Amino acid sequence: MGLLKITARDATTGPVLEVSGDLDYRNATQLREHVTATVLRPDQRLVLDLSGLEFCDSSGISALIAAHHHATTLGANVALAAVPAPTLRILRLIGLDAIIPLHPDSDTAALA
């Protein structure tokens, strides 16, 4: 299993975190910490761009749920962009796609 890399950038609607590598039990905390350290104001959207994600286990799914919870607590929201097919299948099976909007890419997610 590989490392997790998180790169931040700004969009007009809020921050975008580009997540690449493995989001698993060894490093899901890294995403949680990065999300909570990201400045997020009410009505902004935090986009998690997963285009570089290679693997995601249940700890990674929990980190995505925690990001959603953190954002909604602040009056903001979260969108997932470019979710790889294996992770997308899991998100749909557990119904998370009904809670967190999914978009084909981060630009679309930031504008939606």
PDB file of N, CA and C in Angstrom:
ATOM      1  N   MET A   1       0.837  -1.174   0.000  1.00  0.00           N
ATOM      2  CA  MET A   1       0.000   0.000   0.000  1.00  0.00           C
ATOM      3  C   MET A   1       0.882   1.237   0.000  1.00  0.00           C
ATOM      4  N   GLY A   2       0.418   2.271  -0.715  1.00  0.00           N
ATOM      5  CA  GLY A   2       1.208   3.477  -0.881  1.00  0.00           C
ATOM      6  C   GLY A   2       0.875   4.567   0.110  1.00  0.00           C
ATOM      7  N   LEU A   3       1.543   5.661  -0.071  1.00  0.00           N
ATOM      8  CA  LEU A   3       1.354   6.819   0.774  1.00  0.00           C
ATOM      9  C   LEU A   3       0.155   7.635   0.309  1.00  0.00           C
ATOM     10  N   LEU A   4      -0.266   8.539   1.170  1.00  0.00           N
ATOM     11  CA  LEU A   4      -1.354   9.448   0.839  1.00  0.00           C
ATOM     12  C   LEU A   4      -0.760  10.828   0.637  1.00  0.00           C
ATOM     13  N   LYS A   5      -1.143  11.486  -0.429  1.00  0.00           N
ATOM     14  CA  LYS A   5      -0.697  12.846  -0.705  1.00  0.00           C
ATOM     15  C   LYS A   5      -1.930  13.726  -0.833  1.00  0.00           C
ATOM     16  N   ILE A   6      -1.913  14.874  -0.145  1.00  0.00           N
ATOM     17  CA  ILE A   6      -3.033  15.807  -0.192  1.00  0.00           C
ATOM     18  C   ILE A   6      -2.489  17.165  -0.598  1.00  0.00           C
ATOM     19  N   THR A   7      -3.039  17.704  -1.670  1.00  0.00           N
ATOM     20  CA  THR A   7      -2.636  19.010  -2.169  1.00  0.00           C
ATOM     21  C   THR A   7      -3.845  19.929  -2.133  1.00  0.00           C
ATOM     22  N   ALA A   8      -3.656  21.114  -1.580  1.00  0.00           N
ATOM     23  CA  ALA A   8      -4.771  22.066  -1.453  1.00  0.00           C
ATOM     24  C   ALA A   8      -4.653  23.164  -2.499  1.00  0.00           C
ATOM     25  N   ARG A   9      -5.814  23.588  -2.975  1.00  0.00           N
ATOM     26  CA  ARG A   9      -5.905  24.771  -3.842  1.00  0.00           C
ATOM     27  C   ARG A   9      -7.253  25.413  -3.595  1.00  0.00           C
ATOM     28  N   ASP A  10      -7.405  26.634  -4.055  1.00  0.00           N
ATOM     29  CA  ASP A  10      -8.657  27.356  -3.855  1.00  0.00           C
ATOM     30  C   ASP A  10      -9.454  27.421  -5.148  1.00  0.00           C
ATOM     31  N   ALA A  11     -10.758  27.343  -5.002  1.00  0.00           N
ATOM     32  CA  ALA A  11     -11.700  27.580  -6.098  1.00  0.00           C
ATOM     33  C   ALA A  11     -12.608  28.721  -5.646  1.00  0.00           C
ATOM     34  N   THR A  12     -13.417  29.238  -6.532  1.00  0.00           N
ATOM     35  CA  THR A  12     -14.277  30.365  -6.175  1.00  0.00           C
ATOM     36  C   THR A  12     -15.294  30.006  -5.103  1.00  0.00           C
ATOM     37  N   THR A  13     -15.675  28.739  -5.027  1.00  0.00           N
ATOM     38  CA  THR A  13     -16.688  28.324  -4.049  1.00  0.00           C
ATOM     39  C   THR A  13     -16.094  27.771  -2.758  1.00  0.00           C
ATOM     40  N   GLY A  14     -14.769  27.642  -2.702  1.00  0.00           N
ATOM     41  CA  GLY A  14     -14.127  27.135  -1.496  1.00  0.00           C
ATOM     42  C   GLY A  14     -12.895  26.312  -1.809  1.00  0.00           C
ATOM     43  N   PRO A  15     -12.338  25.668  -0.796  1.00  0.00           N
ATOM     44  CA  PRO A  15     -11.112  24.897  -0.981  1.00  0.00           C
ATOM     45  C   PRO A  15     -11.326  23.582  -1.726  1.00  0.00           C
ATOM     46  N   VAL A  16     -10.278  23.185  -2.434  1.00  0.00           N
ATOM     47  CA  VAL A  16     -10.250  21.891  -3.122  1.00  0.00           C
ATOM     48  C   VAL A  16      -9.053  21.127  -2.573  1.00  0.00           C
ATOM     49  N   LEU A  17      -9.291  19.914  -2.098  1.00  0.00           N
ATOM     50  CA  LEU A  17      -8.208  19.048  -1.657  1.00  0.00           C
ATOM     51  C   LEU A  17      -8.071  17.910  -2.658  1.00  0.00           C
ATOM     52  N   GLU A  18      -6.916  17.840  -3.296  1.00  0.00           N
ATOM     53  CA  GLU A  18      -6.632  16.770  -4.240  1.00  0.00           C
ATOM     54  C   GLU A  18      -5.986  15.631  -3.465  1.00  0.00           C
ATOM     55  N   VAL A  19      -6.662  14.498  -3.440  1.00  0.00           N
ATOM     56  CA  VAL A  19      -6.238  13.348  -2.647  1.00  0.00           C
ATOM     57  C   VAL A  19      -5.716  12.275  -3.592  1.00  0.00           C
ATOM     58  N   SER A  20      -4.475  11.842  -3.365  1.00  0.00           N
ATOM     59  CA  SER A  20      -3.918  10.789  -4.215  1.00  0.00           C
ATOM     60  C   SER A  20      -3.193   9.754  -3.361  1.00  0.00           C
ATOM     61  N   GLY A  21      -3.108   8.560  -3.898  1.00  0.00           N
ATOM     62  CA  GLY A  21      -2.480   7.458  -3.175  1.00  0.00           C
ATOM     63  C   GLY A  21      -3.520   6.580  -2.506  1.00  0.00           C
ATOM     64  N   ASP A  22      -3.154   6.030  -1.364  1.00  0.00           N
ATOM     65  CA  ASP A  22      -4.025   5.108  -0.641  1.00  0.00           C
ATOM     66  C   ASP A  22      -4.658   5.790   0.562  1.00  0.00           C
ATOM     67  N   LEU A  23      -5.965   5.765   0.615  1.00  0.00           N
ATOM     68  CA  LEU A  23      -6.713   6.296   1.759  1.00  0.00           C
ATOM     69  C   LEU A  23      -7.159   5.076   2.558  1.00  0.00           C
ATOM     70  N   ASP A  24      -6.303   4.654   3.482  1.00  0.00           N
ATOM     71  CA  ASP A  24      -6.564   3.424   4.223  1.00  0.00           C
ATOM     72  C   ASP A  24      -6.352   3.629   5.716  1.00  0.00           C
ATOM     73  N   TYR A  25      -6.414   2.540   6.456  1.00  0.00           N
ATOM     74  CA  TYR A  25      -6.330   2.589   7.916  1.00  0.00           C
ATOM     75  C   TYR A  25      -5.050   3.246   8.412  1.00  0.00           C
ATOM     76  N   ARG A  26      -3.982   3.189   7.612  1.00  0.00           N
ATOM     77  CA  ARG A  26      -2.713   3.769   8.049  1.00  0.00           C
ATOM     78  C   ARG A  26      -2.664   5.278   7.926  1.00  0.00           C
ATOM     79  N   ASN A  27      -3.462   5.851   7.036  1.00  0.00           N
ATOM     80  CA  ASN A  27      -3.323   7.288   6.807  1.00  0.00           C
ATOM     81  C   ASN A  27      -4.640   8.054   6.669  1.00  0.00           C
ATOM     82  N   ALA A  28      -5.750   7.433   6.990  1.00  0.00           N
ATOM     83  CA  ALA A  28      -7.033   8.149   6.932  1.00  0.00           C
ATOM     84  C   ALA A  28      -7.039   9.331   7.900  1.00  0.00           C
ATOM     85  N   THR A  29      -6.321   9.203   9.006  1.00  0.00           N
ATOM     86  CA  THR A  29      -6.225  10.295   9.976  1.00  0.00           C
ATOM     87  C   THR A  29      -5.596  11.527   9.336  1.00  0.00           C
ATOM     88  N   GLN A  30      -4.694  11.311   8.405  1.00  0.00           N
ATOM     89  CA  GLN A  30      -4.047  12.422   7.705  1.00  0.00           C
ATOM     90  C   GLN A  30      -5.093  13.264   6.964  1.00  0.00           C
ATOM     91  N   LEU A  31      -6.040  12.615   6.300  1.00  0.00           N
ATOM     92  CA  LEU A  31      -7.094  13.362   5.615  1.00  0.00           C
ATOM     93  C   LEU A  31      -7.985  14.074   6.627  1.00  0.00           C
ATOM     94  N   ARG A  32      -8.354  13.405   7.689  1.00  0.00           N
ATOM     95  CA  ARG A  32      -9.182  14.033   8.726  1.00  0.00           C
ATOM     96  C   ARG A  32      -8.510  15.297   9.268  1.00  0.00           C
ATOM     97  N   GLU A  33      -7.228  15.200   9.569  1.00  0.00           N
ATOM     98  CA  GLU A  33      -6.497  16.348  10.110  1.00  0.00           C
ATOM     99  C   GLU A  33      -6.401  17.475   9.091  1.00  0.00           C
ATOM    100  N   HIS A  34      -6.179  17.117   7.832  1.00  0.00           N
ATOM    101  CA  HIS A  34      -6.077  18.130   6.775  1.00  0.00           C
ATOM    102  C   HIS A  34      -7.415  18.850   6.598  1.00  0.00           C
ATOM    103  N   VAL A  35      -8.496  18.104   6.636  1.00  0.00           N
ATOM    104  CA  VAL A  35      -9.832  18.706   6.493  1.00  0.00           C
ATOM    105  C   VAL A  35     -10.113  19.657   7.647  1.00  0.00           C
ATOM    106  N   THR A  36      -9.834  19.238   8.868  1.00  0.00           N
ATOM    107  CA  THR A  36     -10.131  20.107  10.013  1.00  0.00           C
ATOM    108  C   THR A  36      -9.220  21.325  10.057  1.00  0.00           C
ATOM    109  N   ALA A  37      -8.035  21.243   9.459  1.00  0.00           N
ATOM    110  CA  ALA A  37      -7.128  22.389   9.408  1.00  0.00           C
ATOM    111  C   ALA A  37      -7.450  23.338   8.252  1.00  0.00           C
ATOM    112  N   THR A  38      -8.290  22.920   7.337  1.00  0.00           N
ATOM    113  CA  THR A  38      -8.657  23.745   6.182  1.00  0.00           C
ATOM    114  C   THR A  38      -9.684  24.790   6.596  1.00  0.00           C
ATOM    115  N   VAL A  39      -9.409  26.040   6.258  1.00  0.00           N
ATOM    116  CA  VAL A  39     -10.345  27.120   6.569  1.00  0.00           C
ATOM    117  C   VAL A  39     -11.578  26.949   5.685  1.00  0.00           C
ATOM    118  N   LEU A  40     -12.716  26.850   6.339  1.00  0.00           N
ATOM    119  CA  LEU A  40     -13.977  26.615   5.640  1.00  0.00           C
ATOM    120  C   LEU A  40     -15.043  27.483   6.275  1.00  0.00           C
ATOM    121  N   ARG A  41     -15.600  28.391   5.486  1.00  0.00           N
ATOM    122  CA  ARG A  41     -16.619  29.316   5.985  1.00  0.00           C
ATOM    123  C   ARG A  41     -18.018  28.832   5.601  1.00  0.00           C
ATOM    124  N   PRO A  42     -19.039  29.329   6.326  1.00  0.00           N
ATOM    125  CA  PRO A  42     -20.414  28.954   5.977  1.00  0.00           C
ATOM    126  C   PRO A  42     -20.700  29.214   4.492  1.00  0.00           C
ATOM    127  N   ASP A  43     -21.457  28.334   3.909  1.00  0.00           N
ATOM    128  CA  ASP A  43     -21.872  28.387   2.507  1.00  0.00           C
ATOM    129  C   ASP A  43     -20.762  28.089   1.509  1.00  0.00           C
ATOM    130  N   GLN A  44     -19.579  27.760   1.971  1.00  0.00           N
ATOM    131  CA  GLN A  44     -18.534  27.336   1.051  1.00  0.00           C
ATOM    132  C   GLN A  44     -18.677  25.847   0.775  1.00  0.00           C
ATOM    133  N   ARG A  45     -18.007  25.405  -0.268  1.00  0.00           N
ATOM    134  CA  ARG A  45     -17.987  23.989  -0.608  1.00  0.00           C
ATOM    135  C   ARG A  45     -16.546  23.488  -0.542  1.00  0.00           C
ATOM    136  N   LEU A  46     -16.358  22.412   0.186  1.00  0.00           N
ATOM    137  CA  LEU A  46     -15.083  21.714   0.207  1.00  0.00           C
ATOM    138  C   LEU A  46     -15.167  20.599  -0.828  1.00  0.00           C
ATOM    139  N   VAL A  47     -14.298  20.669  -1.819  1.00  0.00           N
ATOM    140  CA  VAL A  47     -14.267  19.640  -2.855  1.00  0.00           C
ATOM    141  C   VAL A  47     -13.100  18.707  -2.557  1.00  0.00           C
ATOM    142  N   LEU A  48     -13.401  17.428  -2.491  1.00  0.00           N
ATOM    143  CA  LEU A  48     -12.366  16.407  -2.367  1.00  0.00           C
ATOM    144  C   LEU A  48     -12.208  15.754  -3.735  1.00  0.00           C
ATOM    145  N   ASP A  49     -11.109  16.087  -4.401  1.00  0.00           N
ATOM    146  CA  ASP A  49     -10.823  15.554  -5.729  1.00  0.00           C
ATOM    147  C   ASP A  49     -10.090  14.230  -5.543  1.00  0.00           C
ATOM    148  N   LEU A  50     -10.755  13.146  -5.896  1.00  0.00           N
ATOM    149  CA  LEU A  50     -10.214  11.808  -5.677  1.00  0.00           C
ATOM    150  C   LEU A  50      -9.637  11.186  -6.952  1.00  0.00           C
ATOM    151  N   SER A  51      -9.344  12.008  -7.941  1.00  0.00           N
ATOM    152  CA  SER A  51      -8.861  11.480  -9.225  1.00  0.00           C
ATOM    153  C   SER A  51      -7.564  10.691  -9.086  1.00  0.00           C
ATOM    154  N   GLY A  52      -6.747  10.988  -8.091  1.00  0.00           N
ATOM    155  CA  GLY A  52      -5.495  10.275  -7.896  1.00  0.00           C
ATOM    156  C   GLY A  52      -5.575   9.164  -6.861  1.00  0.00           C
ATOM    157  N   LEU A  53      -6.774   8.887  -6.379  1.00  0.00           N
ATOM    158  CA  LEU A  53      -6.949   7.860  -5.351  1.00  0.00           C
ATOM    159  C   LEU A  53      -6.728   6.470  -5.952  1.00  0.00           C
ATOM    160  N   GLU A  54      -5.857   5.704  -5.324  1.00  0.00           N
ATOM    161  CA  GLU A  54      -5.559   4.363  -5.816  1.00  0.00           C
ATOM    162  C   GLU A  54      -6.267   3.270  -5.026  1.00  0.00           C
ATOM    163  N   PHE A  55      -6.552   3.541  -3.747  1.00  0.00           N
ATOM    164  CA  PHE A  55      -7.177   2.541  -2.897  1.00  0.00           C
ATOM    165  C   PHE A  55      -7.905   3.252  -1.770  1.00  0.00           C
ATOM    166  N   CYS A  56      -9.053   2.707  -1.366  1.00  0.00           N
ATOM    167  CA  CYS A  56      -9.814   3.275  -0.257  1.00  0.00           C
ATOM    168  C   CYS A  56     -10.471   2.141   0.517  1.00  0.00           C
ATOM    169  N   ASP A  57     -10.156   2.045   1.812  1.00  0.00           N
ATOM    170  CA  ASP A  57     -10.791   1.021   2.635  1.00  0.00           C
ATOM    171  C   ASP A  57     -11.841   1.673   3.540  1.00  0.00           C
ATOM    172  N   SER A  58     -12.372   0.937   4.491  1.00  0.00           N
ATOM    173  CA  SER A  58     -13.441   1.457   5.348  1.00  0.00           C
ATOM    174  C   SER A  58     -12.978   2.658   6.180  1.00  0.00           C
ATOM    175  N   SER A  59     -11.708   2.706   6.548  1.00  0.00           N
ATOM    176  CA  SER A  59     -11.183   3.866   7.270  1.00  0.00           C
ATOM    177  C   SER A  59     -11.206   5.106   6.378  1.00  0.00           C
ATOM    178  N   GLY A  60     -10.940   4.905   5.103  1.00  0.00           N
ATOM    179  CA  GLY A  60     -11.009   6.015   4.147  1.00  0.00           C
ATOM    180  C   GLY A  60     -12.434   6.506   3.965  1.00  0.00           C
ATOM    181  N   ILE A  61     -13.371   5.570   3.879  1.00  0.00           N
ATOM    182  CA  ILE A  61     -14.786   5.940   3.778  1.00  0.00           C
ATOM    183  C   ILE A  61     -15.199   6.724   5.021  1.00  0.00           C
ATOM    184  N   SER A  62     -14.751   6.271   6.184  1.00  0.00           N
ATOM    185  CA  SER A  62     -15.049   6.986   7.436  1.00  0.00           C
ATOM    186  C   SER A  62     -14.472   8.395   7.419  1.00  0.00           C
ATOM    187  N   ALA A  63     -13.297   8.561   6.831  1.00  0.00           N
ATOM    188  CA  ALA A  63     -12.689   9.892   6.734  1.00  0.00           C
ATOM    189  C   ALA A  63     -13.517  10.802   5.817  1.00  0.00           C
ATOM    190  N   LEU A  64     -14.080  10.248   4.756  1.00  0.00           N
ATOM    191  CA  LEU A  64     -14.945  11.040   3.871  1.00  0.00           C
ATOM    192  C   LEU A  64     -16.218  11.449   4.609  1.00  0.00           C
ATOM    193  N   ILE A  65     -16.770  10.549   5.396  1.00  0.00           N
ATOM    194  CA  ILE A  65     -17.958  10.864   6.195  1.00  0.00           C
ATOM    195  C   ILE A  65     -17.618  11.933   7.231  1.00  0.00           C
ATOM    196  N   ALA A  66     -16.453  11.825   7.845  1.00  0.00           N
ATOM    197  CA  ALA A  66     -16.020  12.825   8.824  1.00  0.00           C
ATOM    198  C   ALA A  66     -15.851  14.195   8.174  1.00  0.00           C
ATOM    199  N   ALA A  67     -15.353  14.226   6.939  1.00  0.00           N
ATOM    200  CA  ALA A  67     -15.212  15.497   6.216  1.00  0.00           C
ATOM    201  C   ALA A  67     -16.583  16.131   5.990  1.00  0.00           C
ATOM    202  N   HIS A  68     -17.543  15.297   5.612  1.00  0.00           N
ATOM    203  CA  HIS A  68     -18.916  15.786   5.424  1.00  0.00           C
ATOM    204  C   HIS A  68     -19.467  16.343   6.729  1.00  0.00           C
ATOM    205  N   HIS A  69     -19.280  15.608   7.803  1.00  0.00           N
ATOM    206  CA  HIS A  69     -19.778  16.054   9.108  1.00  0.00           C
ATOM    207  C   HIS A  69     -19.114  17.361   9.530  1.00  0.00           C
ATOM    208  N   HIS A  70     -17.809  17.453   9.351  1.00  0.00           N
ATOM    209  CA  HIS A  70     -17.076  18.668   9.719  1.00  0.00           C
ATOM    210  C   HIS A  70     -17.600  19.875   8.939  1.00  0.00           C
ATOM    211  N   ALA A  71     -17.765  19.709   7.639  1.00  0.00           N
ATOM    212  CA  ALA A  71     -18.231  20.812   6.798  1.00  0.00           C
ATOM    213  C   ALA A  71     -19.643  21.251   7.183  1.00  0.00           C
ATOM    214  N   THR A  72     -20.536  20.303   7.372  1.00  0.00           N
ATOM    215  CA  THR A  72     -21.924  20.670   7.699  1.00  0.00           C
ATOM    216  C   THR A  72     -22.009  21.325   9.074  1.00  0.00           C
ATOM    217  N   THR A  73     -21.150  20.924   9.987  1.00  0.00           N
ATOM    218  CA  THR A  73     -21.099  21.562  11.305  1.00  0.00           C
ATOM    219  C   THR A  73     -20.752  23.041  11.174  1.00  0.00           C
ATOM    220  N   LEU A  74     -19.937  23.381  10.173  1.00  0.00           N
ATOM    221  CA  LEU A  74     -19.529  24.767   9.940  1.00  0.00           C
ATOM    222  C   LEU A  74     -20.485  25.522   9.020  1.00  0.00           C
ATOM    223  N   GLY A  75     -21.552  24.872   8.585  1.00  0.00           N
ATOM    224  CA  GLY A  75     -22.501  25.511   7.676  1.00  0.00           C
ATOM    225  C   GLY A  75     -22.058  25.472   6.225  1.00  0.00           C
ATOM    226  N   ALA A  76     -21.117  24.608   5.928  1.00  0.00           N
ATOM    227  CA  ALA A  76     -20.606  24.445   4.562  1.00  0.00           C
ATOM    228  C   ALA A  76     -21.066  23.083   4.036  1.00  0.00           C
ATOM    229  N   ASN A  77     -20.547  22.688   2.887  1.00  0.00           N
ATOM    230  CA  ASN A  77     -20.868  21.366   2.359  1.00  0.00           C
ATOM    231  C   ASN A  77     -19.653  20.762   1.681  1.00  0.00           C
ATOM    232  N   VAL A  78     -19.778  19.512   1.321  1.00  0.00           N
ATOM    233  CA  VAL A  78     -18.693  18.761   0.688  1.00  0.00           C
ATOM    234  C   VAL A  78     -19.207  18.166  -0.611  1.00  0.00           C
ATOM    235  N   ALA A  79     -18.318  18.087  -1.592  1.00  0.00           N
ATOM    236  CA  ALA A  79     -18.604  17.373  -2.834  1.00  0.00           C
ATOM    237  C   ALA A  79     -17.383  16.520  -3.155  1.00  0.00           C
ATOM    238  N   LEU A  80     -17.623  15.362  -3.731  1.00  0.00           N
ATOM    239  CA  LEU A  80     -16.547  14.482  -4.163  1.00  0.00           C
ATOM    240  C   LEU A  80     -16.428  14.569  -5.678  1.00  0.00           C
ATOM    241  N   ALA A  81     -15.203  14.622  -6.160  1.00  0.00           N
ATOM    242  CA  ALA A  81     -14.968  14.748  -7.596  1.00  0.00           C
ATOM    243  C   ALA A  81     -14.080  13.617  -8.086  1.00  0.00           C
ATOM    244  N   ALA A  82     -14.352  13.164  -9.299  1.00  0.00           N
ATOM    245  CA  ALA A  82     -13.532  12.166  -9.992  1.00  0.00           C
ATOM    246  C   ALA A  82     -13.277  10.931  -9.136  1.00  0.00           C
ATOM    247  N   VAL A  83     -14.334  10.387  -8.588  1.00  0.00           N
ATOM    248  CA  VAL A  83     -14.220   9.210  -7.720  1.00  0.00           C
ATOM    249  C   VAL A  83     -13.901   7.991  -8.582  1.00  0.00           C
ATOM    250  N   PRO A  84     -12.814   7.279  -8.280  1.00  0.00           N
ATOM    251  CA  PRO A  84     -12.481   6.081  -9.061  1.00  0.00           C
ATOM    252  C   PRO A  84     -13.588   5.020  -8.958  1.00  0.00           C
ATOM    253  N   ALA A  85     -13.733   4.234  -9.991  1.00  0.00           N
ATOM    254  CA  ALA A  85     -14.825   3.258 -10.085  1.00  0.00           C
ATOM    255  C   ALA A  85     -14.959   2.323  -8.882  1.00  0.00           C
ATOM    256  N   PRO A  86     -13.876   1.731  -8.372  1.00  0.00           N
ATOM    257  CA  PRO A  86     -14.064   0.830  -7.224  1.00  0.00           C
ATOM    258  C   PRO A  86     -14.620   1.553  -5.985  1.00  0.00           C
ATOM    259  N   THR A  87     -14.149   2.757  -5.744  1.00  0.00           N
ATOM    260  CA  THR A  87     -14.636   3.539  -4.599  1.00  0.00           C
ATOM    261  C   THR A  87     -16.055   4.022  -4.858  1.00  0.00           C
ATOM    262  N   LEU A  88     -16.335   4.414  -6.081  1.00  0.00           N
ATOM    263  CA  LEU A  88     -17.683   4.845  -6.451  1.00  0.00           C
ATOM    264  C   LEU A  88     -18.694   3.730  -6.192  1.00  0.00           C
ATOM    265  N   ARG A  89     -18.334   2.513  -6.524  1.00  0.00           N
ATOM    266  CA  ARG A  89     -19.220   1.366  -6.288  1.00  0.00           C
ATOM    267  C   ARG A  89     -19.546   1.232  -4.801  1.00  0.00           C
ATOM    268  N   ILE A  90     -18.535   1.370  -3.964  1.00  0.00           N
ATOM    269  CA  ILE A  90     -18.747   1.270  -2.517  1.00  0.00           C
ATOM    270  C   ILE A  90     -19.643   2.403  -2.031  1.00  0.00           C
ATOM    271  N   LEU A  91     -19.367   3.624  -2.480  1.00  0.00           N
ATOM    272  CA  LEU A  91     -20.173   4.775  -2.053  1.00  0.00           C
ATOM    273  C   LEU A  91     -21.639   4.579  -2.414  1.00  0.00           C
ATOM    274  N   ARG A  92     -21.886   4.014  -3.581  1.00  0.00           N
ATOM    275  CA  ARG A  92     -23.268   3.764  -4.002  1.00  0.00           C
ATOM    276  C   ARG A  92     -23.904   2.625  -3.210  1.00  0.00           C
ATOM    277  N   LEU A  93     -23.137   1.588  -2.913  1.00  0.00           N
ATOM    278  CA  LEU A  93     -23.667   0.455  -2.143  1.00  0.00           C
ATOM    279  C   LEU A  93     -24.084   0.863  -0.733  1.00  0.00           C
ATOM    280  N   ILE A  94     -23.311   1.752  -0.120  1.00  0.00           N
ATOM    281  CA  ILE A  94     -23.638   2.162   1.249  1.00  0.00           C
ATOM    282  C   ILE A  94     -24.545   3.387   1.296  1.00  0.00           C
ATOM    283  N   GLY A  95     -24.867   3.952   0.128  1.00  0.00           N
ATOM    284  CA  GLY A  95     -25.796   5.074   0.065  1.00  0.00           C
ATOM    285  C   GLY A  95     -25.172   6.429   0.335  1.00  0.00           C
ATOM    286  N   LEU A  96     -23.860   6.499   0.373  1.00  0.00           N
ATOM    287  CA  LEU A  96     -23.209   7.781   0.637  1.00  0.00           C
ATOM    288  C   LEU A  96     -23.373   8.759  -0.525  1.00  0.00           C
ATOM    289  N   ASP A  97     -23.598   8.227  -1.718  1.00  0.00           N
ATOM    290  CA  ASP A  97     -23.825   9.094  -2.877  1.00  0.00           C
ATOM    291  C   ASP A  97     -25.124   9.888  -2.754  1.00  0.00           C
ATOM    292  N   ALA A  98     -26.017   9.465  -1.872  1.00  0.00           N
ATOM    293  CA  ALA A  98     -27.257  10.209  -1.632  1.00  0.00           C
ATOM    294  C   ALA A  98     -27.043  11.344  -0.635  1.00  0.00           C
ATOM    295  N   ILE A  99     -25.908  11.329   0.049  1.00  0.00           N
ATOM    296  CA  ILE A  99     -25.621  12.338   1.067  1.00  0.00           C
ATOM    297  C   ILE A  99     -24.569  13.338   0.589  1.00  0.00           C
ATOM    298  N   ILE A 100     -23.543  12.830  -0.065  1.00  0.00           N
ATOM    299  CA  ILE A 100     -22.466  13.678  -0.573  1.00  0.00           C
ATOM    300  C   ILE A 100     -22.554  13.690  -2.098  1.00  0.00           C
ATOM    301  N   PRO A 101     -22.707  14.870  -2.697  1.00  0.00           N
ATOM    302  CA  PRO A 101     -22.784  14.951  -4.162  1.00  0.00           C
ATOM    303  C   PRO A 101     -21.492  14.459  -4.832  1.00  0.00           C
ATOM    304  N   LEU A 102     -21.657  13.761  -5.946  1.00  0.00           N
ATOM    305  CA  LEU A 102     -20.543  13.253  -6.726  1.00  0.00           C
ATOM    306  C   LEU A 102     -20.499  13.976  -8.065  1.00  0.00           C
ATOM    307  N   HIS A 103     -19.295  14.323  -8.504  1.00  0.00           N
ATOM    308  CA  HIS A 103     -19.121  15.054  -9.762  1.00  0.00           C
ATOM    309  C   HIS A 103     -17.990  14.431 -10.571  1.00  0.00           C
ATOM    310  N   PRO A 104     -18.035  14.598 -11.890  1.00  0.00           N
ATOM    311  CA  PRO A 104     -17.013  13.968 -12.730  1.00  0.00           C
ATOM    312  C   PRO A 104     -15.617  14.568 -12.564  1.00  0.00           C
ATOM    313  N   ASP A 105     -15.527  15.834 -12.149  1.00  0.00           N
ATOM    314  CA  ASP A 105     -14.227  16.471 -11.961  1.00  0.00           C
ATOM    315  C   ASP A 105     -14.362  17.613 -10.948  1.00  0.00           C
ATOM    316  N   SER A 106     -13.233  18.136 -10.495  1.00  0.00           N
ATOM    317  CA  SER A 106     -13.267  19.148  -9.449  1.00  0.00           C
ATOM    318  C   SER A 106     -13.814  20.491  -9.933  1.00  0.00           C
ATOM    319  N   ASP A 107     -13.620  20.819 -11.196  1.00  0.00           N
ATOM    320  CA  ASP A 107     -14.174  22.080 -11.708  1.00  0.00           C
ATOM    321  C   ASP A 107     -15.703  22.055 -11.681  1.00  0.00           C
ATOM    322  N   THR A 108     -16.277  20.949 -12.101  1.00  0.00           N
ATOM    323  CA  THR A 108     -17.744  20.796 -12.067  1.00  0.00           C
ATOM    324  C   THR A 108     -18.252  20.817 -10.631  1.00  0.00           C
ATOM    325  N   ALA A 109     -17.535  20.149  -9.743  1.00  0.00           N
ATOM    326  CA  ALA A 109     -17.939  20.099  -8.332  1.00  0.00           C
ATOM    327  C   ALA A 109     -17.898  21.484  -7.698  1.00  0.00           C
ATOM    328  N   ALA A 110     -16.911  22.266  -8.062  1.00  0.00           N
ATOM    329  CA  ALA A 110     -16.780  23.602  -7.475  1.00  0.00           C
ATOM    330  C   ALA A 110     -17.876  24.536  -7.967  1.00  0.00           C
ATOM    331  N   LEU A 111     -18.384  24.292  -9.163  1.00  0.00           N
ATOM    332  CA  LEU A 111     -19.408  25.186  -9.735  1.00  0.00           C
ATOM    333  C   LEU A 111     -20.825  24.761  -9.405  1.00  0.00           C
ATOM    334  N   ALA A 112     -21.018  23.521  -9.024  1.00  0.00           N
ATOM    335  CA  ALA A 112     -22.372  22.998  -8.799  1.00  0.00           C
ATOM    336  C   ALA A 112     -23.032  23.605  -7.580  1.00  0.00           C
TER     337      ALA A 112
END
